[in-house]
C-alpha atoms as a PDB file:
ATOM      1  CA  MET A   1       0.008   0.195   0.177  1.00  0.00           C
ATOM      2  CA  THR A   2       0.928   3.515  -1.098  1.00  0.00           C
ATOM      3  CA  ARG A   3       1.592   6.477   1.343  1.00  0.00           C
ATOM      4  CA  GLU A   4      -0.768   7.733  -0.580  1.00  0.00           C
ATOM      5  CA  GLU A   5      -3.427   5.232  -0.356  1.00  0.00           C
ATOM      6  CA  VAL A   6      -2.896   4.984   3.267  1.00  0.00           C
ATOM      7  CA  ARG A   7      -3.456   8.627   3.518  1.00  0.00           C
ATOM      8  CA  ALA A   8      -6.272   8.417   2.084  1.00  0.00           C
ATOM      9  CA  LEU A   9      -7.723   5.802   4.266  1.00  0.00           C
ATOM     10  CA  VAL A  10      -6.698   7.883   7.758  1.00  0.00           C
ATOM     11  CA  LEU A  11      -8.617  11.229   6.204  1.00  0.00           C
ATOM     12  CA  GLU A  12     -11.559   9.144   5.221  1.00  0.00           C
ATOM     13  CA  ALA A  13     -11.912   7.313   8.791  1.00  0.00           C
ATOM     14  CA  LEU A  14     -10.949  11.209  10.074  1.00  0.00           C
ATOM     15  CA  GLY A  15     -14.329  11.833   8.321  1.00  0.00           C
ATOM     16  CA  GLY A  16     -16.369   9.099   9.518  1.00  0.00           C
ATOM     17  CA  VAL A  17     -15.718  10.215  12.950  1.00  0.00           C
ATOM     18  CA  ALA A  18     -15.794  13.817  12.143  1.00  0.00           C
ATOM     19  CA  PRO A  19     -18.156  14.374   9.581  1.00  0.00           C
ATOM     20  CA  GLU A  20     -17.665  18.360   9.406  1.00  0.00           C
ATOM     21  CA  ILE A  21     -13.930  18.838   8.964  1.00  0.00           C
ATOM     22  CA  ASP A  22     -12.270  19.672   5.395  1.00  0.00           C
ATOM     23  CA  THR A  23     -10.103  16.658   5.302  1.00  0.00           C
ATOM     24  CA  ALA A  24      -8.449  18.999   2.210  1.00  0.00           C
ATOM     25  CA  THR A  25      -7.673  21.991   4.583  1.00  0.00           C
ATOM     26  CA  ILE A  26      -5.423  19.569   7.466  1.00  0.00           C
ATOM     27  CA  ASP A  27      -1.964  20.645   7.592  1.00  0.00           C
ATOM     28  CA  ALA A  28      -0.360  16.870   8.033  1.00  0.00           C
ATOM     29  CA  ARG A  29       2.564  18.838  10.326  1.00  0.00           C
ATOM     30  CA  LEU A  30       0.226  20.106  13.009  1.00  0.00           C
ATOM     31  CA  SER A  31      -1.522  18.422  15.839  1.00  0.00           C
ATOM     32  CA  LEU A  32      -4.919  16.611  14.809  1.00  0.00           C
ATOM     33  CA  ARG A  33      -6.998  17.117  17.720  1.00  0.00           C
ATOM     34  CA  GLU A  34      -6.100  20.783  17.719  1.00  0.00           C
ATOM     35  CA  GLN A  35      -7.025  20.743  14.373  1.00  0.00           C
ATOM     36  CA  CYS A  36     -10.301  18.697  14.301  1.00  0.00           C
ATOM     37  CA  ASP A  37     -11.032  19.721  17.982  1.00  0.00           C
ATOM     38  CA  LEU A  38     -11.296  16.422  18.648  1.00  0.00           C
ATOM     39  CA  ASP A  39     -11.583  15.045  22.216  1.00  0.00           C
ATOM     40  CA  SER A  40     -10.068  12.168  23.687  1.00  0.00           C
ATOM     41  CA  VAL A  41     -13.391   9.513  23.016  1.00  0.00           C
ATOM     42  CA  ASP A  42     -13.147  11.483  19.483  1.00  0.00           C
ATOM     43  CA  TYR A  43      -9.663  10.655  19.327  1.00  0.00           C
ATOM     44  CA  LEU A  44      -9.714   7.477  20.206  1.00  0.00           C
ATOM     45  CA  ASN A  45     -12.726   6.460  17.671  1.00  0.00           C
ATOM     46  CA  PHE A  46     -10.847   8.256  14.958  1.00  0.00           C
ATOM     47  CA  LEU A  47      -7.460   5.928  15.417  1.00  0.00           C
ATOM     48  CA  VAL A  48     -10.214   2.424  16.119  1.00  0.00           C
ATOM     49  CA  ALA A  49     -11.360   3.821  12.685  1.00  0.00           C
ATOM     50  CA  VAL A  50      -8.155   3.758  11.443  1.00  0.00           C
ATOM     51  CA  HIS A  51      -7.433   0.368  12.697  1.00  0.00           C
ATOM     52  CA  ALA A  52     -11.188  -1.363  10.918  1.00  0.00           C
ATOM     53  CA  ALA A  53      -9.623   0.758   7.910  1.00  0.00           C
ATOM     54  CA  THR A  54      -6.066  -0.172   7.353  1.00  0.00           C
ATOM     55  CA  GLY A  55      -5.759  -3.619  10.210  1.00  0.00           C
ATOM     56  CA  VAL A  56      -2.919  -1.993  11.255  1.00  0.00           C
ATOM     57  CA  ASP A  57      -2.975  -2.672  15.350  1.00  0.00           C
ATOM     58  CA  ILE A  58      -2.648   0.910  17.159  1.00  0.00           C
ATOM     59  CA  PRO A  59      -1.705   0.073  20.838  1.00  0.00           C
ATOM     60  CA  GLU A  60      -2.126   3.112  23.251  1.00  0.00           C
ATOM     61  CA  ALA A  61       0.924   3.276  24.313  1.00  0.00           C
ATOM     62  CA  ASP A  62       1.589   4.453  21.171  1.00  0.00           C
ATOM     63  CA  TYR A  63      -1.107   7.328  20.945  1.00  0.00           C
ATOM     64  CA  ALA A  64       0.431  10.303  22.101  1.00  0.00           C
ATOM     65  CA  LYS A  65       3.356  10.001  19.302  1.00  0.00           C
ATOM     66  CA  LEU A  66       0.172  10.055  16.301  1.00  0.00           C
ATOM     67  CA  ASP A  67      -1.243  13.356  17.122  1.00  0.00           C
ATOM     68  CA  LYS A  68      -0.145  14.677  13.320  1.00  0.00           C
ATOM     69  CA  LEU A  69      -0.957  13.535  10.209  1.00  0.00           C
ATOM     70  CA  ASP A  70       2.070  12.972   9.113  1.00  0.00           C
ATOM     71  CA  ASP A  71       3.579  10.856  11.822  1.00  0.00           C
ATOM     72  CA  LEU A  72       0.019   8.204  11.763  1.00  0.00           C
ATOM     73  CA  ILE A  73       1.090   8.100   7.988  1.00  0.00           C
ATOM     74  CA  GLU A  74       3.992   6.795   8.605  1.00  0.00           C
ATOM     75  CA  TYR A  75       3.238   4.863  11.482  1.00  0.00           C
ATOM     76  CA  VAL A  76       0.778   2.268   9.538  1.00  0.00           C
ATOM     77  CA  ALA A  77       2.942   2.730   6.795  1.00  0.00           C
ATOM     78  CA  ALA A  78       5.903   0.856   8.273  1.00  0.00           C
ATOM     79  CA  HIS A  79       3.159  -1.454  10.290  1.00  0.00           C
ATOM     80  CA  ARG A  80       1.329  -2.591   6.685  1.00  0.00           C
ATOM     81  CA  ALA A  81       4.941  -2.654   5.890  1.00  0.00           C
ATOM     82  CA  GLY A  82       6.165  -4.903   8.452  1.00  0.00           C
ATOM     83  CA  ALA A  83       3.239  -7.356   8.586  1.00  0.00           C
ATOM     84  CA  ALA A  84       3.245  -7.994   4.752  1.00  0.00           C
ATOM     85  CA  GLU A  85       7.640  -9.470   5.268  1.00  0.00           C
END
């Protein structure tokens, strides 16, 4: 799966949790929670949706590292690649 495919799945998951968000305006280097005004429950639901869309398990210990879109995309891409090996 390419980085762009991962990005599309992650943004689709975000749109499912926060449909009012224009995902085209998200700065991938800034906090998703702040840009999208996601509380902790919304963010948890978002990460669960990312897992459902990508098959990548995201342990709670990693949540804090994945606040930026770029970080989340890299994480998912790396873990999908690792699972494929």
